[in-house]
């Protein structure tokens, strides 16, 4: 049966269109403008007592980040879990529509590690956290986003519509997850490895290449 959309009332039409998925039939970067990045924008956070080269390398365009469960936090005054992360510096935002894109790789054995996040929110410290548990990608430690993530490169896109109050996750160009955000704040993107509060592997690693930031 073919439905003539012009005969549907505006409210119902809006619901039908939104239910199809705002980004489902398009490349996630369509309609966005790339924001130029330099090495200044890649701020490294790593255990405070260890030289950077013992937890990070940048070779042939690939950024490799690793950390151990018994490492120190990134600051001697912090009580957070160990991390080696890239914090996108100089592009904090509090409104509009922003997007992170990067090609990631997680080796078999890394578990209980946050590999990407949006830091900041009106409520809580983060808007979204993407963690790897036994090869699965999860929203924090709950909703399953994808399986079989080990030992292969994947394209990750995260769109944060601050004004619309939503975050959308794409893997290899396909929309896989959408969730309401947690309100505006001082927001910025991060990627790498950051140990979860519990059930973590001793060694945690992720690799990243072709990291880009877009906005509308």
N, C-alpha and C. Protein backbone atom coordinates (compact mmCIF):
# COMPACT_ATOMS: atom_id res chain seq x y z
N UNK A 1 0.85 -1.20 0.00
CA UNK A 1 0.00 0.00 0.00
C UNK A 1 0.87 1.24 0.00
N UNK A 2 0.58 2.20 -0.89
CA UNK A 2 1.33 3.44 -0.98
C UNK A 2 0.53 4.54 -0.29
N UNK A 3 1.17 5.25 0.63
CA UNK A 3 0.52 6.33 1.36
C UNK A 3 0.99 7.65 0.79
N UNK A 4 0.07 8.49 0.40
CA UNK A 4 0.41 9.83 -0.06
C UNK A 4 0.72 10.68 1.15
N UNK A 5 2.01 11.07 1.32
CA UNK A 5 2.42 11.78 2.53
C UNK A 5 1.69 13.10 2.69
N UNK A 6 1.29 13.71 1.60
CA UNK A 6 0.62 15.00 1.70
C UNK A 6 -0.73 14.90 2.38
N UNK A 7 -1.29 13.64 2.47
CA UNK A 7 -2.59 13.46 3.09
C UNK A 7 -2.47 13.20 4.58
N UNK A 8 -1.25 13.03 5.08
CA UNK A 8 -1.05 12.77 6.50
C UNK A 8 -0.98 14.10 7.24
N UNK A 9 -1.60 14.16 8.39
CA UNK A 9 -1.57 15.41 9.15
C UNK A 9 -0.14 15.74 9.54
N UNK A 10 0.21 17.01 9.70
CA UNK A 10 1.60 17.41 9.98
C UNK A 10 2.21 16.72 11.19
N UNK A 11 1.43 16.55 12.27
CA UNK A 11 1.99 15.93 13.47
C UNK A 11 2.35 14.48 13.22
N UNK A 12 1.46 13.74 12.53
CA UNK A 12 1.73 12.34 12.24
C UNK A 12 2.88 12.21 11.26
N UNK A 13 2.94 13.11 10.27
CA UNK A 13 4.02 13.08 9.30
C UNK A 13 5.37 13.26 9.98
N UNK A 14 5.41 14.17 10.94
CA UNK A 14 6.65 14.40 11.69
C UNK A 14 7.07 13.15 12.43
N UNK A 15 6.09 12.44 13.02
CA UNK A 15 6.40 11.21 13.75
C UNK A 15 6.91 10.14 12.80
N UNK A 16 6.27 10.01 11.62
CA UNK A 16 6.69 8.98 10.66
C UNK A 16 8.11 9.22 10.22
N UNK A 17 8.42 10.47 9.89
CA UNK A 17 9.77 10.79 9.42
C UNK A 17 10.80 10.54 10.51
N UNK A 18 10.51 10.98 11.73
CA UNK A 18 11.48 10.81 12.82
C UNK A 18 11.67 9.35 13.16
N UNK A 19 10.60 8.54 13.02
CA UNK A 19 10.71 7.12 13.36
C UNK A 19 11.59 6.37 12.37
N UNK A 20 11.77 6.91 11.17
CA UNK A 20 12.63 6.28 10.18
C UNK A 20 14.10 6.44 10.51
N UNK A 21 14.41 7.39 11.40
CA UNK A 21 15.79 7.64 11.78
C UNK A 21 16.35 8.81 11.00
N UNK A 22 16.77 9.82 11.73
CA UNK A 22 17.22 11.05 11.08
C UNK A 22 18.39 10.81 10.15
N UNK A 23 19.28 9.88 10.51
CA UNK A 23 20.51 9.70 9.75
C UNK A 23 20.58 8.34 9.04
N UNK A 24 19.48 7.58 9.03
CA UNK A 24 19.56 6.18 8.65
C UNK A 24 19.97 5.96 7.20
N UNK A 25 19.64 6.88 6.31
CA UNK A 25 19.92 6.67 4.89
C UNK A 25 21.02 7.58 4.36
N UNK A 26 21.81 8.14 5.23
CA UNK A 26 22.84 9.08 4.78
C UNK A 26 24.15 8.79 5.49
N UNK A 27 25.24 9.22 4.86
CA UNK A 27 26.53 9.16 5.53
C UNK A 27 26.46 10.11 6.72
N UNK A 28 26.96 9.70 7.87
CA UNK A 28 26.82 10.56 9.06
C UNK A 28 27.45 11.94 8.92
N UNK A 29 28.43 12.11 8.02
CA UNK A 29 29.06 13.43 7.91
C UNK A 29 28.35 14.34 6.90
N UNK A 30 27.32 13.83 6.22
CA UNK A 30 26.58 14.66 5.27
C UNK A 30 25.98 15.87 5.98
N UNK A 31 26.18 17.05 5.42
CA UNK A 31 25.63 18.26 6.00
C UNK A 31 26.49 18.90 7.07
N UNK A 32 27.61 18.25 7.40
CA UNK A 32 28.53 18.78 8.41
C UNK A 32 29.73 19.45 7.74
N UNK A 33 30.37 20.33 8.48
CA UNK A 33 31.59 20.99 8.03
C UNK A 33 32.75 20.52 8.89
N UNK A 34 33.83 20.08 8.27
CA UNK A 34 34.99 19.61 9.03
C UNK A 34 35.70 20.78 9.69
N UNK A 35 36.10 20.59 10.94
CA UNK A 35 36.85 21.59 11.70
C UNK A 35 38.33 21.21 11.61
N UNK A 36 39.19 22.09 11.10
CA UNK A 36 40.61 21.74 10.97
C UNK A 36 41.24 21.42 12.33
N UNK A 37 42.08 20.40 12.36
CA UNK A 37 42.79 20.00 13.57
C UNK A 37 44.29 20.08 13.35
N UNK A 38 45.02 20.44 14.41
CA UNK A 38 46.47 20.36 14.44
C UNK A 38 46.85 19.50 15.64
N UNK A 39 48.15 19.23 15.80
CA UNK A 39 48.57 18.43 16.95
C UNK A 39 48.24 19.11 18.27
N UNK A 40 48.09 20.42 18.26
CA UNK A 40 47.69 21.12 19.49
C UNK A 40 46.37 20.59 20.02
N UNK A 41 45.47 20.20 19.11
CA UNK A 41 44.15 19.75 19.52
C UNK A 41 44.15 18.37 20.16
N UNK A 42 45.28 17.65 20.05
CA UNK A 42 45.35 16.30 20.60
C UNK A 42 46.11 16.32 21.93
N UNK A 43 45.40 16.61 22.98
CA UNK A 43 46.01 16.65 24.32
C UNK A 43 46.05 15.24 24.89
N UNK A 44 47.22 14.80 25.32
CA UNK A 44 47.39 13.45 25.85
C UNK A 44 47.29 13.44 27.37
N UNK A 45 46.49 12.52 27.88
CA UNK A 45 46.40 12.27 29.31
C UNK A 45 46.89 10.85 29.57
N UNK A 46 47.82 10.68 30.52
CA UNK A 46 48.42 9.38 30.77
C UNK A 46 48.81 9.31 32.24
N UNK A 47 49.17 8.13 32.76
CA UNK A 47 49.58 8.03 34.16
C UNK A 47 50.67 9.06 34.48
N UNK A 48 50.47 9.79 35.57
CA UNK A 48 51.31 10.97 35.82
C UNK A 48 52.78 10.64 36.07
N UNK A 49 53.07 9.41 36.49
CA UNK A 49 54.44 9.07 36.87
C UNK A 49 55.20 8.32 35.79
N UNK A 50 54.64 8.25 34.58
CA UNK A 50 55.26 7.46 33.51
C UNK A 50 55.45 8.34 32.28
N UNK A 51 56.61 8.28 31.62
CA UNK A 51 56.81 9.05 30.39
C UNK A 51 55.78 8.69 29.32
N UNK A 52 55.40 9.67 28.54
CA UNK A 52 54.37 9.48 27.53
C UNK A 52 54.71 8.33 26.59
N UNK A 53 55.96 8.22 26.18
CA UNK A 53 56.32 7.21 25.19
C UNK A 53 56.16 5.78 25.71
N UNK A 54 55.95 5.61 27.02
CA UNK A 54 55.70 4.29 27.57
C UNK A 54 54.22 3.92 27.58
N UNK A 55 53.38 4.83 27.13
CA UNK A 55 51.93 4.56 27.08
C UNK A 55 51.29 5.06 25.77
N UNK A 56 52.09 5.63 24.86
CA UNK A 56 51.52 6.21 23.65
C UNK A 56 52.55 6.21 22.54
N UNK A 57 52.08 5.90 21.31
CA UNK A 57 52.93 6.04 20.13
C UNK A 57 52.09 6.59 18.98
N UNK A 58 52.76 7.27 18.07
CA UNK A 58 52.11 7.83 16.88
C UNK A 58 53.01 7.53 15.70
N UNK A 59 52.69 6.44 14.97
CA UNK A 59 53.53 5.94 13.89
C UNK A 59 52.68 5.69 12.65
N UNK A 60 53.11 6.24 11.53
CA UNK A 60 52.42 6.04 10.25
C UNK A 60 50.93 6.37 10.35
N UNK A 61 50.63 7.45 11.09
CA UNK A 61 49.25 7.91 11.18
C UNK A 61 48.39 7.21 12.21
N UNK A 62 48.93 6.21 12.88
CA UNK A 62 48.17 5.44 13.88
C UNK A 62 48.60 5.85 15.28
N UNK A 63 47.63 6.25 16.07
CA UNK A 63 47.87 6.61 17.48
C UNK A 63 47.51 5.39 18.34
N UNK A 64 48.51 4.84 19.00
CA UNK A 64 48.31 3.68 19.86
C UNK A 64 48.40 4.13 21.31
N UNK A 65 47.37 3.77 22.09
CA UNK A 65 47.29 4.17 23.50
C UNK A 65 47.06 2.92 24.34
N UNK A 66 47.81 2.77 25.42
CA UNK A 66 47.64 1.61 26.28
C UNK A 66 47.86 1.99 27.74
N UNK A 67 47.31 1.17 28.62
CA UNK A 67 47.39 1.42 30.06
C UNK A 67 47.22 0.10 30.79
N UNK A 68 47.73 0.04 32.02
CA UNK A 68 47.61 -1.15 32.85
C UNK A 68 46.71 -0.87 34.05
N UNK A 69 46.09 -1.93 34.54
CA UNK A 69 45.12 -1.77 35.62
C UNK A 69 45.72 -1.19 36.89
N UNK A 70 47.02 -1.39 37.10
CA UNK A 70 47.65 -0.87 38.32
C UNK A 70 48.41 0.43 38.08
N UNK A 71 48.19 1.06 36.92
CA UNK A 71 48.79 2.37 36.67
C UNK A 71 48.18 3.44 37.57
N UNK A 72 48.92 4.53 37.73
CA UNK A 72 48.42 5.69 38.47
C UNK A 72 47.43 6.49 37.61
N UNK A 73 46.62 7.34 38.24
CA UNK A 73 45.74 8.23 37.46
C UNK A 73 46.55 9.28 36.70
N UNK A 74 45.86 10.13 35.97
CA UNK A 74 46.55 11.13 35.13
C UNK A 74 47.06 12.31 35.92
N UNK A 75 46.64 12.43 37.17
CA UNK A 75 47.03 13.55 38.02
C UNK A 75 47.24 13.02 39.43
N UNK A 76 48.29 13.46 40.13
CA UNK A 76 48.54 12.93 41.48
C UNK A 76 47.44 13.25 42.47
N UNK A 77 46.62 14.25 42.18
CA UNK A 77 45.52 14.60 43.08
C UNK A 77 44.19 13.96 42.68
N UNK A 78 44.22 13.14 41.63
CA UNK A 78 43.00 12.50 41.15
C UNK A 78 42.84 11.12 41.77
N UNK A 79 41.59 10.74 41.97
CA UNK A 79 41.28 9.39 42.48
C UNK A 79 40.57 8.56 41.40
N UNK A 80 40.70 8.97 40.15
CA UNK A 80 40.06 8.26 39.05
C UNK A 80 40.88 7.05 38.62
N UNK A 81 40.28 6.24 37.76
CA UNK A 81 40.93 5.05 37.24
C UNK A 81 42.04 5.44 36.26
N UNK A 82 42.98 4.53 36.01
CA UNK A 82 44.07 4.83 35.06
C UNK A 82 43.54 5.02 33.65
N UNK A 83 44.25 5.85 32.90
CA UNK A 83 43.85 6.16 31.53
C UNK A 83 45.06 6.54 30.69
N UNK A 84 44.94 6.31 29.40
CA UNK A 84 45.75 6.98 28.39
C UNK A 84 44.76 7.41 27.32
N UNK A 85 44.49 8.68 27.27
CA UNK A 85 43.43 9.19 26.40
C UNK A 85 43.86 10.43 25.64
N UNK A 86 43.22 10.60 24.49
CA UNK A 86 43.31 11.86 23.74
C UNK A 86 42.10 12.69 24.10
N UNK A 87 42.36 13.89 24.58
CA UNK A 87 41.30 14.85 24.84
C UNK A 87 41.35 15.89 23.73
N UNK A 88 40.27 16.03 22.97
CA UNK A 88 40.24 17.02 21.90
C UNK A 88 40.20 18.41 22.56
N UNK A 89 41.31 19.12 22.42
CA UNK A 89 41.49 20.40 23.11
C UNK A 89 41.15 21.55 22.17
N UNK A 90 40.60 22.62 22.76
CA UNK A 90 40.35 23.84 22.01
C UNK A 90 39.05 23.84 21.24
N UNK A 91 38.28 22.75 21.35
CA UNK A 91 37.00 22.67 20.64
C UNK A 91 35.87 22.28 21.59
N UNK A 92 35.95 22.78 22.84
CA UNK A 92 34.85 22.56 23.77
C UNK A 92 33.60 23.24 23.21
N UNK A 93 32.45 22.66 23.50
CA UNK A 93 31.20 23.21 22.98
C UNK A 93 30.09 23.09 24.02
N UNK A 94 29.05 23.89 23.89
CA UNK A 94 27.93 23.84 24.81
C UNK A 94 26.59 23.94 24.10
N UNK A 95 26.62 24.07 22.77
CA UNK A 95 25.38 24.14 21.99
C UNK A 95 25.70 23.70 20.56
N UNK A 96 24.67 23.59 19.75
CA UNK A 96 24.86 23.23 18.36
C UNK A 96 24.90 21.72 18.14
N UNK A 97 25.40 21.32 16.97
CA UNK A 97 25.51 19.91 16.60
C UNK A 97 26.96 19.63 16.23
N UNK A 98 27.58 18.70 16.94
CA UNK A 98 29.00 18.39 16.77
C UNK A 98 29.16 16.89 16.51
N UNK A 99 30.26 16.55 15.85
CA UNK A 99 30.47 15.15 15.50
C UNK A 99 31.95 14.77 15.62
N UNK A 100 32.17 13.62 16.23
CA UNK A 100 33.49 12.98 16.28
C UNK A 100 33.51 11.86 15.25
N UNK A 101 34.62 11.76 14.52
CA UNK A 101 34.84 10.63 13.62
C UNK A 101 36.25 10.12 13.81
N UNK A 102 36.40 8.82 13.86
CA UNK A 102 37.72 8.22 13.93
C UNK A 102 37.64 6.75 13.58
N UNK A 103 38.74 6.20 13.12
CA UNK A 103 38.84 4.77 12.86
C UNK A 103 39.57 4.14 14.04
N UNK A 104 38.88 3.21 14.71
CA UNK A 104 39.41 2.61 15.91
C UNK A 104 39.73 1.13 15.74
N UNK A 105 40.56 0.63 16.66
CA UNK A 105 40.97 -0.77 16.66
C UNK A 105 41.19 -1.17 18.12
N UNK A 106 40.58 -2.28 18.53
CA UNK A 106 40.74 -2.77 19.90
C UNK A 106 41.24 -4.21 19.85
N UNK A 107 42.43 -4.48 20.39
CA UNK A 107 42.95 -5.84 20.33
C UNK A 107 42.24 -6.78 21.29
N UNK A 108 42.20 -8.04 20.91
CA UNK A 108 41.59 -9.07 21.75
C UNK A 108 42.22 -9.07 23.14
N UNK A 109 41.37 -9.11 24.16
CA UNK A 109 41.84 -9.13 25.54
C UNK A 109 41.56 -7.86 26.29
N UNK A 110 41.46 -6.74 25.59
CA UNK A 110 41.11 -5.48 26.25
C UNK A 110 39.65 -5.54 26.68
N UNK A 111 39.38 -5.32 27.96
CA UNK A 111 38.00 -5.38 28.44
C UNK A 111 37.82 -4.43 29.62
N UNK A 112 36.60 -3.93 29.76
CA UNK A 112 36.32 -2.96 30.82
C UNK A 112 36.99 -1.63 30.58
N UNK A 113 37.12 -1.25 29.30
CA UNK A 113 37.82 -0.02 28.95
C UNK A 113 36.92 0.90 28.14
N UNK A 114 36.85 2.16 28.55
CA UNK A 114 36.20 3.19 27.75
C UNK A 114 37.12 3.55 26.60
N UNK A 115 36.62 3.46 25.38
CA UNK A 115 37.45 3.80 24.22
C UNK A 115 37.07 5.14 23.61
N UNK A 116 35.87 5.64 23.90
CA UNK A 116 35.45 6.95 23.40
C UNK A 116 34.40 7.51 24.34
N UNK A 117 34.36 8.83 24.44
CA UNK A 117 33.38 9.46 25.31
C UNK A 117 33.19 10.92 24.94
N UNK A 118 32.06 11.46 25.39
CA UNK A 118 31.85 12.90 25.42
C UNK A 118 31.89 13.29 26.89
N UNK A 119 32.88 14.08 27.25
CA UNK A 119 33.01 14.51 28.64
C UNK A 119 32.17 15.77 28.87
N UNK A 120 31.56 15.83 30.04
CA UNK A 120 30.74 16.98 30.40
C UNK A 120 29.26 16.68 30.24
N UNK A 121 28.46 17.32 31.09
CA UNK A 121 27.01 17.17 31.06
C UNK A 121 26.42 18.08 32.13
N UNK A 122 25.14 18.35 32.03
CA UNK A 122 24.47 19.10 33.09
C UNK A 122 24.36 18.24 34.35
N UNK A 123 24.20 16.92 34.15
CA UNK A 123 24.10 15.98 35.26
C UNK A 123 25.14 14.89 35.06
N UNK A 124 26.09 14.79 35.96
CA UNK A 124 27.14 13.79 35.84
C UNK A 124 28.36 14.32 35.12
N UNK A 125 29.38 13.47 35.03
CA UNK A 125 30.66 13.89 34.46
C UNK A 125 30.72 13.71 32.95
N UNK A 126 29.87 12.82 32.40
CA UNK A 126 29.95 12.51 30.98
C UNK A 126 28.56 12.48 30.34
N UNK A 127 28.54 12.74 29.04
CA UNK A 127 27.30 12.63 28.27
C UNK A 127 27.12 11.22 27.73
N UNK A 128 28.20 10.63 27.24
CA UNK A 128 28.16 9.24 26.76
C UNK A 128 29.53 8.62 26.95
N UNK A 129 29.52 7.33 27.26
CA UNK A 129 30.74 6.53 27.34
C UNK A 129 30.52 5.28 26.53
N UNK A 130 31.48 4.95 25.68
CA UNK A 130 31.46 3.72 24.90
C UNK A 130 32.55 2.80 25.43
N UNK A 131 32.15 1.67 25.98
CA UNK A 131 33.09 0.73 26.59
C UNK A 131 33.13 -0.59 25.84
N UNK A 132 34.26 -1.21 25.91
CA UNK A 132 34.44 -2.56 25.37
C UNK A 132 34.47 -3.56 26.52
N UNK A 133 33.58 -4.54 26.46
CA UNK A 133 33.56 -5.66 27.39
C UNK A 133 33.58 -6.96 26.59
N UNK A 134 34.68 -7.69 26.67
CA UNK A 134 34.79 -9.00 26.01
C UNK A 134 34.41 -8.92 24.53
N UNK A 135 34.83 -7.87 23.88
CA UNK A 135 34.59 -7.72 22.45
C UNK A 135 33.30 -7.04 22.08
N UNK A 136 32.44 -6.76 23.06
CA UNK A 136 31.19 -6.05 22.82
C UNK A 136 31.36 -4.57 23.13
N UNK A 137 30.70 -3.72 22.37
CA UNK A 137 30.65 -2.30 22.69
C UNK A 137 29.35 -2.01 23.41
N UNK A 138 29.45 -1.31 24.55
CA UNK A 138 28.27 -0.99 25.35
C UNK A 138 28.22 0.50 25.69
N UNK A 139 27.03 0.97 25.91
CA UNK A 139 26.77 2.31 26.45
C UNK A 139 26.98 2.21 27.95
N UNK A 140 28.06 2.83 28.45
CA UNK A 140 28.51 2.61 29.82
C UNK A 140 28.66 1.09 30.01
N UNK A 141 27.98 0.51 30.99
CA UNK A 141 28.09 -0.94 31.21
C UNK A 141 26.78 -1.65 30.90
N UNK A 142 25.85 -0.95 30.20
CA UNK A 142 24.51 -1.50 30.05
C UNK A 142 24.18 -1.82 28.59
N UNK A 143 23.56 -0.89 27.88
CA UNK A 143 23.01 -1.17 26.55
C UNK A 143 24.07 -1.69 25.58
N UNK A 144 23.74 -2.78 24.91
CA UNK A 144 24.63 -3.37 23.91
C UNK A 144 24.50 -2.60 22.60
N UNK A 145 25.62 -2.12 22.08
CA UNK A 145 25.63 -1.38 20.82
C UNK A 145 26.11 -2.25 19.67
N UNK A 146 27.16 -3.04 19.89
CA UNK A 146 27.71 -3.89 18.83
C UNK A 146 28.50 -5.03 19.45
N UNK A 147 28.65 -6.11 18.69
CA UNK A 147 29.43 -7.26 19.12
C UNK A 147 30.61 -7.47 18.17
N UNK A 148 31.50 -8.36 18.55
CA UNK A 148 32.61 -8.78 17.68
C UNK A 148 33.47 -7.59 17.24
N UNK A 149 33.94 -6.81 18.22
CA UNK A 149 34.70 -5.60 17.93
C UNK A 149 36.22 -5.82 17.93
N UNK A 150 36.67 -6.99 18.34
CA UNK A 150 38.11 -7.20 18.48
C UNK A 150 38.83 -7.34 17.13
N UNK A 151 40.07 -6.83 17.11
CA UNK A 151 41.04 -7.12 16.06
C UNK A 151 40.58 -6.73 14.66
N UNK A 152 39.89 -5.62 14.55
CA UNK A 152 39.52 -5.11 13.23
C UNK A 152 39.31 -3.60 13.32
N UNK A 153 39.61 -2.91 12.24
CA UNK A 153 39.38 -1.48 12.20
C UNK A 153 37.89 -1.21 11.98
N UNK A 154 37.37 -0.22 12.69
CA UNK A 154 35.98 0.18 12.53
C UNK A 154 35.92 1.71 12.48
N UNK A 155 34.97 2.21 11.74
CA UNK A 155 34.73 3.65 11.67
C UNK A 155 33.69 4.01 12.72
N UNK A 156 34.05 4.92 13.60
CA UNK A 156 33.14 5.37 14.66
C UNK A 156 32.77 6.83 14.44
N UNK A 157 31.48 7.11 14.42
CA UNK A 157 30.98 8.48 14.37
C UNK A 157 30.01 8.69 15.52
N UNK A 158 30.21 9.78 16.24
CA UNK A 158 29.32 10.15 17.35
C UNK A 158 28.80 11.56 17.07
N UNK A 159 27.49 11.68 16.92
CA UNK A 159 26.87 12.99 16.69
C UNK A 159 26.17 13.43 17.96
N UNK A 160 26.51 14.62 18.43
CA UNK A 160 25.86 15.19 19.60
C UNK A 160 25.07 16.42 19.19
N UNK A 161 23.76 16.28 19.19
CA UNK A 161 22.85 17.39 18.93
C UNK A 161 22.47 17.98 20.28
N UNK A 162 23.22 18.98 20.71
CA UNK A 162 23.01 19.54 22.04
C UNK A 162 21.64 20.20 22.14
N UNK A 163 21.29 20.97 21.12
CA UNK A 163 20.01 21.67 21.14
C UNK A 163 18.84 20.70 21.09
N UNK A 164 19.01 19.60 20.36
CA UNK A 164 17.96 18.58 20.28
C UNK A 164 18.00 17.57 21.41
N UNK A 165 19.09 17.58 22.19
CA UNK A 165 19.20 16.71 23.36
C UNK A 165 19.41 15.24 23.04
N UNK A 166 20.19 14.93 21.99
CA UNK A 166 20.38 13.52 21.64
C UNK A 166 21.82 13.25 21.22
N UNK A 167 22.22 11.99 21.38
CA UNK A 167 23.52 11.50 20.93
C UNK A 167 23.28 10.27 20.07
N UNK A 168 23.91 10.24 18.89
CA UNK A 168 23.73 9.13 17.96
C UNK A 168 25.09 8.52 17.63
N UNK A 169 25.14 7.18 17.67
CA UNK A 169 26.39 6.45 17.43
C UNK A 169 26.27 5.66 16.13
N UNK A 170 27.29 5.78 15.28
CA UNK A 170 27.37 5.04 14.03
C UNK A 170 28.62 4.18 14.05
N UNK A 171 28.50 2.98 13.48
CA UNK A 171 29.66 2.12 13.25
C UNK A 171 29.69 1.76 11.77
N UNK A 172 30.81 2.04 11.14
CA UNK A 172 30.98 1.78 9.72
C UNK A 172 29.85 2.38 8.88
N UNK A 173 29.44 3.59 9.27
CA UNK A 173 28.44 4.33 8.52
C UNK A 173 27.01 3.98 8.83
N UNK A 174 26.77 3.00 9.70
CA UNK A 174 25.41 2.58 10.03
C UNK A 174 25.02 3.04 11.43
N UNK A 175 23.83 3.62 11.55
CA UNK A 175 23.36 4.06 12.86
C UNK A 175 23.09 2.84 13.73
N UNK A 176 23.73 2.82 14.91
CA UNK A 176 23.60 1.66 15.80
C UNK A 176 22.95 1.98 17.14
N UNK A 177 22.93 3.25 17.52
CA UNK A 177 22.44 3.57 18.86
C UNK A 177 22.10 5.05 18.93
N UNK A 178 21.04 5.36 19.66
CA UNK A 178 20.70 6.76 19.93
C UNK A 178 20.14 6.85 21.34
N UNK A 179 20.50 7.92 22.03
CA UNK A 179 20.09 8.07 23.43
C UNK A 179 19.95 9.55 23.74
N UNK A 180 19.04 9.92 24.63
CA UNK A 180 19.00 11.32 25.07
C UNK A 180 20.30 11.70 25.77
N UNK A 181 20.72 12.94 25.59
CA UNK A 181 21.93 13.37 26.30
C UNK A 181 21.59 13.74 27.74
N UNK A 182 22.52 14.33 28.44
CA UNK A 182 22.33 14.65 29.86
C UNK A 182 22.38 16.14 30.12
N UNK A 183 22.01 16.91 29.10
CA UNK A 183 21.96 18.36 29.25
C UNK A 183 23.26 19.02 28.85
N UNK A 184 23.20 20.31 28.57
CA UNK A 184 24.40 21.04 28.13
C UNK A 184 25.42 21.20 29.25
N UNK A 185 26.65 21.43 28.85
CA UNK A 185 27.73 21.65 29.81
C UNK A 185 28.97 22.06 29.04
N UNK A 186 30.12 21.94 29.69
CA UNK A 186 31.40 22.15 29.02
C UNK A 186 31.77 20.81 28.39
N UNK A 187 31.53 20.65 27.09
CA UNK A 187 31.55 19.35 26.43
C UNK A 187 32.76 19.23 25.51
N UNK A 188 33.34 18.04 25.47
CA UNK A 188 34.44 17.77 24.53
C UNK A 188 34.58 16.27 24.33
N UNK A 189 35.19 15.89 23.20
CA UNK A 189 35.35 14.49 22.83
C UNK A 189 36.69 13.94 23.34
N UNK A 190 36.67 12.63 23.65
CA UNK A 190 37.88 11.93 24.05
C UNK A 190 37.88 10.54 23.43
N UNK A 191 39.09 9.98 23.24
CA UNK A 191 39.20 8.59 22.82
C UNK A 191 40.51 8.03 23.35
N UNK A 192 40.60 6.72 23.41
CA UNK A 192 41.79 6.07 23.95
C UNK A 192 41.39 4.88 24.80
N UNK A 193 41.97 4.78 26.00
CA UNK A 193 41.58 3.74 26.95
C UNK A 193 41.52 4.34 28.35
N UNK A 194 40.37 4.12 29.00
CA UNK A 194 40.14 4.61 30.35
C UNK A 194 39.44 3.49 31.10
N UNK A 195 40.08 2.99 32.14
CA UNK A 195 39.58 1.82 32.85
C UNK A 195 38.22 2.08 33.49
N UNK A 196 37.33 1.11 33.36
CA UNK A 196 36.02 1.16 34.01
C UNK A 196 36.20 0.99 35.53
N UNK A 197 35.16 1.28 36.31
CA UNK A 197 35.28 1.14 37.76
C UNK A 197 35.54 -0.28 38.23
N UNK A 198 35.13 -1.29 37.43
CA UNK A 198 35.29 -2.68 37.86
C UNK A 198 35.36 -3.59 36.64
N UNK A 199 35.79 -4.84 36.87
CA UNK A 199 35.80 -5.88 35.84
C UNK A 199 36.64 -5.48 34.62
N UNK A 200 37.87 -5.06 34.88
CA UNK A 200 38.75 -4.62 33.80
C UNK A 200 39.85 -5.65 33.56
N UNK A 201 40.36 -5.68 32.33
CA UNK A 201 41.52 -6.50 32.02
C UNK A 201 42.78 -5.81 32.55
N UNK A 202 43.83 -6.57 32.74
CA UNK A 202 45.06 -5.97 33.27
C UNK A 202 45.67 -5.01 32.25
N UNK A 203 45.65 -5.42 30.97
CA UNK A 203 46.19 -4.58 29.90
C UNK A 203 45.04 -4.10 29.02
N UNK A 204 45.04 -2.81 28.70
CA UNK A 204 43.98 -2.21 27.88
C UNK A 204 44.62 -1.36 26.80
N UNK A 205 44.13 -1.50 25.56
CA UNK A 205 44.72 -0.79 24.43
C UNK A 205 43.65 -0.45 23.40
N UNK A 206 43.79 0.71 22.78
CA UNK A 206 43.06 1.01 21.55
C UNK A 206 43.96 1.80 20.62
N UNK A 207 43.65 1.74 19.33
CA UNK A 207 44.42 2.47 18.32
C UNK A 207 43.44 3.33 17.52
N UNK A 208 43.93 4.49 17.07
CA UNK A 208 43.08 5.43 16.35
C UNK A 208 43.83 6.06 15.20
N UNK A 209 43.10 6.29 14.12
CA UNK A 209 43.65 7.02 12.97
C UNK A 209 42.54 7.86 12.34
N UNK A 210 42.96 8.86 11.58
CA UNK A 210 42.02 9.70 10.82
C UNK A 210 40.93 10.30 11.72
N UNK A 211 41.35 10.82 12.86
CA UNK A 211 40.40 11.47 13.77
C UNK A 211 40.01 12.82 13.21
N UNK A 212 38.71 13.08 13.15
CA UNK A 212 38.20 14.35 12.64
C UNK A 212 37.04 14.84 13.51
N UNK A 213 36.85 16.15 13.50
CA UNK A 213 35.73 16.78 14.19
C UNK A 213 34.93 17.57 13.16
N UNK A 214 33.61 17.45 13.23
CA UNK A 214 32.71 18.17 12.35
C UNK A 214 31.70 18.95 13.18
N UNK A 215 31.09 19.96 12.56
CA UNK A 215 30.00 20.68 13.21
C UNK A 215 29.02 21.19 12.17
N UNK A 216 27.82 21.53 12.64
CA UNK A 216 26.81 22.17 11.80
C UNK A 216 26.67 23.62 12.25
